[in-house]
């Protein structure tokens, strides 16, 4: 889906209006935090915190690597 919007003045800053269908697709609503992520030659706007995703990936890797130790700790 391609939509265009206009950069608008908001106090001393600037902002854009995100169309409702895009907000619905992002599972975002007014007041939510969104993240602007620089990717090669573009900017990605996402409602998901990239740092949290990286932390979850590290968690999953640790759980896989140390599953026996985690299982042992869970039974004590």
PDB file of N, CA and C in Angstrom:
ATOM      1  N   UNK A   1       0.850  -1.161   0.000  1.00  0.00           N
ATOM      2  CA  UNK A   1       0.000   0.000   0.000  1.00  0.00           C
ATOM      3  C   UNK A   1       0.905   1.237   0.000  1.00  0.00           C
ATOM      4  N   UNK A   2       0.672   2.141  -0.893  1.00  0.00           N
ATOM      5  CA  UNK A   2       1.433   3.385  -0.971  1.00  0.00           C
ATOM      6  C   UNK A   2       0.487   4.536  -0.676  1.00  0.00           C
ATOM      7  N   UNK A   3       0.836   5.312   0.315  1.00  0.00           N
ATOM      8  CA  UNK A   3       0.061   6.501   0.672  1.00  0.00           C
ATOM      9  C   UNK A   3       1.035   7.653   0.794  1.00  0.00           C
ATOM     10  N   UNK A   4       0.572   8.843   0.509  1.00  0.00           N
ATOM     11  CA  UNK A   4       1.412  10.019   0.715  1.00  0.00           C
ATOM     12  C   UNK A   4       0.785  10.861   1.822  1.00  0.00           C
ATOM     13  N   UNK A   5       1.625  11.633   2.477  1.00  0.00           N
ATOM     14  CA  UNK A   5       1.178  12.527   3.528  1.00  0.00           C
ATOM     15  C   UNK A   5       2.060  13.760   3.492  1.00  0.00           C
ATOM     16  N   UNK A   6       1.681  14.779   4.203  1.00  0.00           N
ATOM     17  CA  UNK A   6       2.402  16.049   4.193  1.00  0.00           C
ATOM     18  C   UNK A   6       3.067  16.252   5.546  1.00  0.00           C
ATOM     19  N   UNK A   7       4.296  16.750   5.545  1.00  0.00           N
ATOM     20  CA  UNK A   7       4.973  17.100   6.789  1.00  0.00           C
ATOM     21  C   UNK A   7       4.345  18.399   7.284  1.00  0.00           C
ATOM     22  N   UNK A   8       3.898  18.403   8.539  1.00  0.00           N
ATOM     23  CA  UNK A   8       3.182  19.547   9.100  1.00  0.00           C
ATOM     24  C   UNK A   8       3.933  20.095  10.316  1.00  0.00           C
ATOM     25  N   UNK A   9       3.771  21.378  10.552  1.00  0.00           N
ATOM     26  CA  UNK A   9       4.347  22.012  11.740  1.00  0.00           C
ATOM     27  C   UNK A   9       3.542  21.585  12.965  1.00  0.00           C
ATOM     28  N   UNK A  10       4.265  21.182  14.013  1.00  0.00           N
ATOM     29  CA  UNK A  10       3.649  20.839  15.289  1.00  0.00           C
ATOM     30  C   UNK A  10       4.479  21.551  16.353  1.00  0.00           C
ATOM     31  N   UNK A  11       4.059  22.746  16.737  1.00  0.00           N
ATOM     32  CA  UNK A  11       4.857  23.553  17.653  1.00  0.00           C
ATOM     33  C   UNK A  11       6.179  23.908  16.995  1.00  0.00           C
ATOM     34  N   UNK A  12       7.294  23.626  17.674  1.00  0.00           N
ATOM     35  CA  UNK A  12       8.624  23.873  17.119  1.00  0.00           C
ATOM     36  C   UNK A  12       9.176  22.663  16.370  1.00  0.00           C
ATOM     37  N   UNK A  13       8.353  21.643  16.181  1.00  0.00           N
ATOM     38  CA  UNK A  13       8.778  20.416  15.514  1.00  0.00           C
ATOM     39  C   UNK A  13       7.957  20.215  14.242  1.00  0.00           C
ATOM     40  N   UNK A  14       8.159  19.095  13.606  1.00  0.00           N
ATOM     41  CA  UNK A  14       7.383  18.718  12.424  1.00  0.00           C
ATOM     42  C   UNK A  14       6.875  17.300  12.614  1.00  0.00           C
ATOM     43  N   UNK A  15       5.791  16.972  11.941  1.00  0.00           N
ATOM     44  CA  UNK A  15       5.234  15.631  12.051  1.00  0.00           C
ATOM     45  C   UNK A  15       4.443  15.265  10.821  1.00  0.00           C
ATOM     46  N   UNK A  16       4.071  14.004  10.745  1.00  0.00           N
ATOM     47  CA  UNK A  16       3.240  13.521   9.636  1.00  0.00           C
ATOM     48  C   UNK A  16       2.010  12.830  10.208  1.00  0.00           C
ATOM     49  N   UNK A  17       0.958  12.812   9.438  1.00  0.00           N
ATOM     50  CA  UNK A  17      -0.260  12.099   9.800  1.00  0.00           C
ATOM     51  C   UNK A  17      -0.198  10.733   9.142  1.00  0.00           C
ATOM     52  N   UNK A  18      -0.391   9.682   9.944  1.00  0.00           N
ATOM     53  CA  UNK A  18      -0.381   8.315   9.414  1.00  0.00           C
ATOM     54  C   UNK A  18      -1.829   7.891   9.197  1.00  0.00           C
ATOM     55  N   UNK A  19      -2.185   7.489   7.980  1.00  0.00           N
ATOM     56  CA  UNK A  19      -3.567   7.096   7.697  1.00  0.00           C
ATOM     57  C   UNK A  19      -4.018   5.911   8.564  1.00  0.00           C
ATOM     58  N   UNK A  20      -5.279   5.903   8.947  1.00  0.00           N
ATOM     59  CA  UNK A  20      -5.861   4.875   9.811  1.00  0.00           C
ATOM     60  C   UNK A  20      -5.568   3.453   9.331  1.00  0.00           C
ATOM     61  N   UNK A  21      -5.730   3.125   8.035  1.00  0.00           N
ATOM     62  CA  UNK A  21      -5.439   1.739   7.618  1.00  0.00           C
ATOM     63  C   UNK A  21      -3.996   1.323   7.914  1.00  0.00           C
ATOM     64  N   UNK A  22      -3.057   2.261   7.801  1.00  0.00           N
ATOM     65  CA  UNK A  22      -1.666   1.932   8.108  1.00  0.00           C
ATOM     66  C   UNK A  22      -1.479   1.743   9.609  1.00  0.00           C
ATOM     67  N   UNK A  23      -2.129   2.591  10.422  1.00  0.00           N
ATOM     68  CA  UNK A  23      -2.058   2.408  11.864  1.00  0.00           C
ATOM     69  C   UNK A  23      -2.632   1.054  12.267  1.00  0.00           C
ATOM     70  N   UNK A  24      -3.747   0.681  11.651  1.00  0.00           N
ATOM     71  CA  UNK A  24      -4.358  -0.618  11.944  1.00  0.00           C
ATOM     72  C   UNK A  24      -3.397  -1.749  11.584  1.00  0.00           C
ATOM     73  N   UNK A  25      -2.744  -1.626  10.445  1.00  0.00           N
ATOM     74  CA  UNK A  25      -1.796  -2.663  10.012  1.00  0.00           C
ATOM     75  C   UNK A  25      -0.605  -2.748  10.962  1.00  0.00           C
ATOM     76  N   UNK A  26      -0.167  -1.607  11.498  1.00  0.00           N
ATOM     77  CA  UNK A  26       0.935  -1.560  12.452  1.00  0.00           C
ATOM     78  C   UNK A  26       0.489  -1.968  13.855  1.00  0.00           C
ATOM     79  N   UNK A  27      -0.817  -2.138  14.046  1.00  0.00           N
ATOM     80  CA  UNK A  27      -1.412  -2.392  15.356  1.00  0.00           C
ATOM     81  C   UNK A  27      -1.012  -1.278  16.322  1.00  0.00           C
ATOM     82  N   UNK A  28      -1.086  -0.037  15.836  1.00  0.00           N
ATOM     83  CA  UNK A  28      -0.729   1.140  16.627  1.00  0.00           C
ATOM     84  C   UNK A  28      -1.941   2.052  16.713  1.00  0.00           C
ATOM     85  N   UNK A  29      -1.937   2.862  17.769  1.00  0.00           N
ATOM     86  CA  UNK A  29      -3.021   3.840  17.922  1.00  0.00           C
ATOM     87  C   UNK A  29      -2.457   5.110  18.530  1.00  0.00           C
ATOM     88  N   UNK A  30      -3.277   6.116  18.591  1.00  0.00           N
ATOM     89  CA  UNK A  30      -2.860   7.414  19.109  1.00  0.00           C
ATOM     90  C   UNK A  30      -2.247   7.252  20.493  1.00  0.00           C
ATOM     91  N   UNK A  31      -1.086   7.866  20.693  1.00  0.00           N
ATOM     92  CA  UNK A  31      -0.388   7.801  21.971  1.00  0.00           C
ATOM     93  C   UNK A  31       0.683   6.729  22.036  1.00  0.00           C
ATOM     94  N   UNK A  32       0.670   5.769  21.105  1.00  0.00           N
ATOM     95  CA  UNK A  32       1.702   4.733  21.076  1.00  0.00           C
ATOM     96  C   UNK A  32       3.033   5.320  20.607  1.00  0.00           C
ATOM     97  N   UNK A  33       4.110   4.679  20.996  1.00  0.00           N
ATOM     98  CA  UNK A  33       5.435   5.059  20.526  1.00  0.00           C
ATOM     99  C   UNK A  33       5.717   4.318  19.229  1.00  0.00           C
ATOM    100  N   UNK A  34       6.255   5.028  18.253  1.00  0.00           N
ATOM    101  CA  UNK A  34       6.711   4.386  17.019  1.00  0.00           C
ATOM    102  C   UNK A  34       8.203   4.677  16.874  1.00  0.00           C
ATOM    103  N   UNK A  35       8.887   3.855  16.134  1.00  0.00           N
ATOM    104  CA  UNK A  35      10.330   3.950  15.971  1.00  0.00           C
ATOM    105  C   UNK A  35      10.661   4.182  14.508  1.00  0.00           C
ATOM    106  N   UNK A  36      11.517   5.156  14.253  1.00  0.00           N
ATOM    107  CA  UNK A  36      12.018   5.432  12.913  1.00  0.00           C
ATOM    108  C   UNK A  36      13.390   4.774  12.824  1.00  0.00           C
ATOM    109  N   UNK A  37      13.510   3.771  11.977  1.00  0.00           N
ATOM    110  CA  UNK A  37      14.739   3.001  11.850  1.00  0.00           C
ATOM    111  C   UNK A  37      15.362   3.303  10.497  1.00  0.00           C
ATOM    112  N   UNK A  38      16.609   3.753  10.507  1.00  0.00           N
ATOM    113  CA  UNK A  38      17.305   4.005   9.247  1.00  0.00           C
ATOM    114  C   UNK A  38      17.766   2.685   8.657  1.00  0.00           C
ATOM    115  N   UNK A  39      17.348   2.443   7.437  1.00  0.00           N
ATOM    116  CA  UNK A  39      17.791   1.282   6.668  1.00  0.00           C
ATOM    117  C   UNK A  39      18.449   1.833   5.404  1.00  0.00           C
ATOM    118  N   UNK A  40      19.211   1.024   4.680  1.00  0.00           N
ATOM    119  CA  UNK A  40      19.870   1.556   3.487  1.00  0.00           C
ATOM    120  C   UNK A  40      18.892   2.288   2.563  1.00  0.00           C
ATOM    121  N   UNK A  41      19.191   3.547   2.318  1.00  0.00           N
ATOM    122  CA  UNK A  41      18.448   4.393   1.391  1.00  0.00           C
ATOM    123  C   UNK A  41      16.990   4.642   1.759  1.00  0.00           C
ATOM    124  N   UNK A  42      16.613   4.439   3.046  1.00  0.00           N
ATOM    125  CA  UNK A  42      15.214   4.635   3.415  1.00  0.00           C
ATOM    126  C   UNK A  42      15.080   4.752   4.925  1.00  0.00           C
ATOM    127  N   UNK A  43      13.873   4.999   5.371  1.00  0.00           N
ATOM    128  CA  UNK A  43      13.551   5.011   6.797  1.00  0.00           C
ATOM    129  C   UNK A  43      12.329   4.120   6.989  1.00  0.00           C
ATOM    130  N   UNK A  44      12.417   3.222   7.957  1.00  0.00           N
ATOM    131  CA  UNK A  44      11.333   2.309   8.281  1.00  0.00           C
ATOM    132  C   UNK A  44      10.634   2.825   9.534  1.00  0.00           C
ATOM    133  N   UNK A  45       9.333   2.985   9.479  1.00  0.00           N
ATOM    134  CA  UNK A  45       8.545   3.398  10.629  1.00  0.00           C
ATOM    135  C   UNK A  45       7.849   2.159  11.172  1.00  0.00           C
ATOM    136  N   UNK A  46       8.113   1.825  12.438  1.00  0.00           N
ATOM    137  CA  UNK A  46       7.562   0.606  13.016  1.00  0.00           C
ATOM    138  C   UNK A  46       7.062   0.859  14.430  1.00  0.00           C
ATOM    139  N   UNK A  47       6.070   0.101  14.844  1.00  0.00           N
ATOM    140  CA  UNK A  47       5.547   0.203  16.199  1.00  0.00           C
ATOM    141  C   UNK A  47       6.293  -0.742  17.141  1.00  0.00           C
ATOM    142  N   UNK A  48       7.182  -1.555  16.592  1.00  0.00           N
ATOM    143  CA  UNK A  48       7.903  -2.537  17.390  1.00  0.00           C
ATOM    144  C   UNK A  48       9.313  -2.042  17.678  1.00  0.00           C
ATOM    145  N   UNK A  49       9.704  -2.071  18.933  1.00  0.00           N
ATOM    146  CA  UNK A  49      11.006  -1.581  19.381  1.00  0.00           C
ATOM    147  C   UNK A  49      12.104  -2.514  18.882  1.00  0.00           C
ATOM    148  N   UNK A  50      12.972  -2.050  17.978  1.00  0.00           N
ATOM    149  CA  UNK A  50      14.044  -2.907  17.453  1.00  0.00           C
ATOM    150  C   UNK A  50      14.979  -3.410  18.554  1.00  0.00           C
ATOM    151  N   UNK A  51      15.244  -2.606  19.568  1.00  0.00           N
ATOM    152  CA  UNK A  51      16.116  -3.040  20.663  1.00  0.00           C
ATOM    153  C   UNK A  51      15.479  -4.198  21.423  1.00  0.00           C
ATOM    154  N   UNK A  52      14.167  -4.154  21.615  1.00  0.00           N
ATOM    155  CA  UNK A  52      13.468  -5.250  22.288  1.00  0.00           C
ATOM    156  C   UNK A  52      13.550  -6.518  21.452  1.00  0.00           C
ATOM    157  N   UNK A  53      13.388  -6.385  20.147  1.00  0.00           N
ATOM    158  CA  UNK A  53      13.484  -7.552  19.261  1.00  0.00           C
ATOM    159  C   UNK A  53      14.868  -8.179  19.344  1.00  0.00           C
ATOM    160  N   UNK A  54      15.915  -7.345  19.382  1.00  0.00           N
ATOM    161  CA  UNK A  54      17.274  -7.868  19.509  1.00  0.00           C
ATOM    162  C   UNK A  54      17.458  -8.586  20.837  1.00  0.00           C
ATOM    163  N   UNK A  55      16.908  -8.017  21.906  1.00  0.00           N
ATOM    164  CA  UNK A  55      17.016  -8.645  23.225  1.00  0.00           C
ATOM    165  C   UNK A  55      16.289  -9.985  23.243  1.00  0.00           C
ATOM    166  N   UNK A  56      15.131 -10.053  22.606  1.00  0.00           N
ATOM    167  CA  UNK A  56      14.395 -11.312  22.546  1.00  0.00           C
ATOM    168  C   UNK A  56      15.151 -12.355  21.735  1.00  0.00           C
ATOM    169  N   UNK A  57      15.805 -11.946  20.664  1.00  0.00           N
ATOM    170  CA  UNK A  57      16.621 -12.883  19.883  1.00  0.00           C
ATOM    171  C   UNK A  57      17.744 -13.447  20.742  1.00  0.00           C
ATOM    172  N   UNK A  58      18.404 -12.587  21.521  1.00  0.00           N
ATOM    173  CA  UNK A  58      19.480 -13.039  22.415  1.00  0.00           C
ATOM    174  C   UNK A  58      18.921 -13.987  23.475  1.00  0.00           C
ATOM    175  N   UNK A  59      17.743 -13.680  23.999  1.00  0.00           N
ATOM    176  CA  UNK A  59      17.098 -14.547  24.987  1.00  0.00           C
ATOM    177  C   UNK A  59      16.825 -15.926  24.392  1.00  0.00           C
ATOM    178  N   UNK A  60      16.242 -15.938  23.201  1.00  0.00           N
ATOM    179  CA  UNK A  60      15.923 -17.224  22.559  1.00  0.00           C
ATOM    180  C   UNK A  60      17.181 -18.053  22.314  1.00  0.00           C
ATOM    181  N   UNK A  61      18.249 -17.375  21.890  1.00  0.00           N
ATOM    182  CA  UNK A  61      19.506 -18.074  21.649  1.00  0.00           C
ATOM    183  C   UNK A  61      20.050 -18.658  22.956  1.00  0.00           C
ATOM    184  N   UNK A  62      19.988 -17.869  24.038  1.00  0.00           N
ATOM    185  CA  UNK A  62      20.459 -18.358  25.340  1.00  0.00           C
ATOM    186  C   UNK A  62      19.616 -19.510  25.849  1.00  0.00           C
ATOM    187  N   UNK A  63      18.307 -19.424  25.668  1.00  0.00           N
ATOM    188  CA  UNK A  63      17.428 -20.509  26.095  1.00  0.00           C
ATOM    189  C   UNK A  63      17.725 -21.790  25.332  1.00  0.00           C
ATOM    190  N   UNK A  64      18.012 -21.652  24.063  1.00  0.00           N
ATOM    191  CA  UNK A  64      18.338 -22.829  23.244  1.00  0.00           C
ATOM    192  C   UNK A  64      19.676 -23.418  23.679  1.00  0.00           C
ATOM    193  N   UNK A  65      20.667 -22.558  23.846  1.00  0.00           N
ATOM    194  CA  UNK A  65      22.025 -23.011  24.176  1.00  0.00           C
ATOM    195  C   UNK A  65      22.096 -23.625  25.571  1.00  0.00           C
ATOM    196  N   UNK A  66      21.370 -23.038  26.521  1.00  0.00           N
ATOM    197  CA  UNK A  66      21.460 -23.472  27.918  1.00  0.00           C
ATOM    198  C   UNK A  66      20.167 -24.107  28.413  1.00  0.00           C
ATOM    199  N   UNK A  67      19.437 -24.769  27.529  1.00  0.00           N
ATOM    200  CA  UNK A  67      18.137 -25.314  27.905  1.00  0.00           C
ATOM    201  C   UNK A  67      18.220 -26.318  29.039  1.00  0.00           C
ATOM    202  N   UNK A  68      19.272 -27.147  29.080  1.00  0.00           N
ATOM    203  CA  UNK A  68      19.389 -28.126  30.165  1.00  0.00           C
ATOM    204  C   UNK A  68      19.604 -27.426  31.507  1.00  0.00           C
ATOM    205  N   UNK A  69      20.439 -26.407  31.528  1.00  0.00           N
ATOM    206  CA  UNK A  69      20.674 -25.649  32.763  1.00  0.00           C
ATOM    207  C   UNK A  69      19.399 -24.942  33.195  1.00  0.00           C
ATOM    208  N   UNK A  70      18.665 -24.367  32.258  1.00  0.00           N
ATOM    209  CA  UNK A  70      17.418 -23.677  32.579  1.00  0.00           C
ATOM    210  C   UNK A  70      16.381 -24.667  33.124  1.00  0.00           C
ATOM    211  N   UNK A  71      16.340 -25.850  32.515  1.00  0.00           N
ATOM    212  CA  UNK A  71      15.406 -26.866  32.979  1.00  0.00           C
ATOM    213  C   UNK A  71      15.758 -27.292  34.405  1.00  0.00           C
ATOM    214  N   UNK A  72      17.035 -27.454  34.668  1.00  0.00           N
ATOM    215  CA  UNK A  72      17.494 -27.819  36.008  1.00  0.00           C
ATOM    216  C   UNK A  72      17.139 -26.737  37.023  1.00  0.00           C
ATOM    217  N   UNK A  73      17.373 -25.482  36.662  1.00  0.00           N
ATOM    218  CA  UNK A  73      17.042 -24.378  37.572  1.00  0.00           C
ATOM    219  C   UNK A  73      15.532 -24.291  37.831  1.00  0.00           C
ATOM    220  N   UNK A  74      14.745 -24.595  36.826  1.00  0.00           N
ATOM    221  CA  UNK A  74      13.286 -24.498  36.956  1.00  0.00           C
ATOM    222  C   UNK A  74      12.725 -25.555  37.885  1.00  0.00           C
ATOM    223  N   UNK A  75      13.421 -26.665  38.067  1.00  0.00           N
ATOM    224  CA  UNK A  75      12.899 -27.749  38.906  1.00  0.00           C
ATOM    225  C   UNK A  75      13.347 -27.630  40.357  1.00  0.00           C
ATOM    226  N   UNK A  76      14.134 -26.621  40.679  1.00  0.00           N
ATOM    227  CA  UNK A  76      14.617 -26.471  42.054  1.00  0.00           C
ATOM    228  C   UNK A  76      13.764 -25.524  42.832  1.00  0.00           C
TER     229      UNK A  76
END
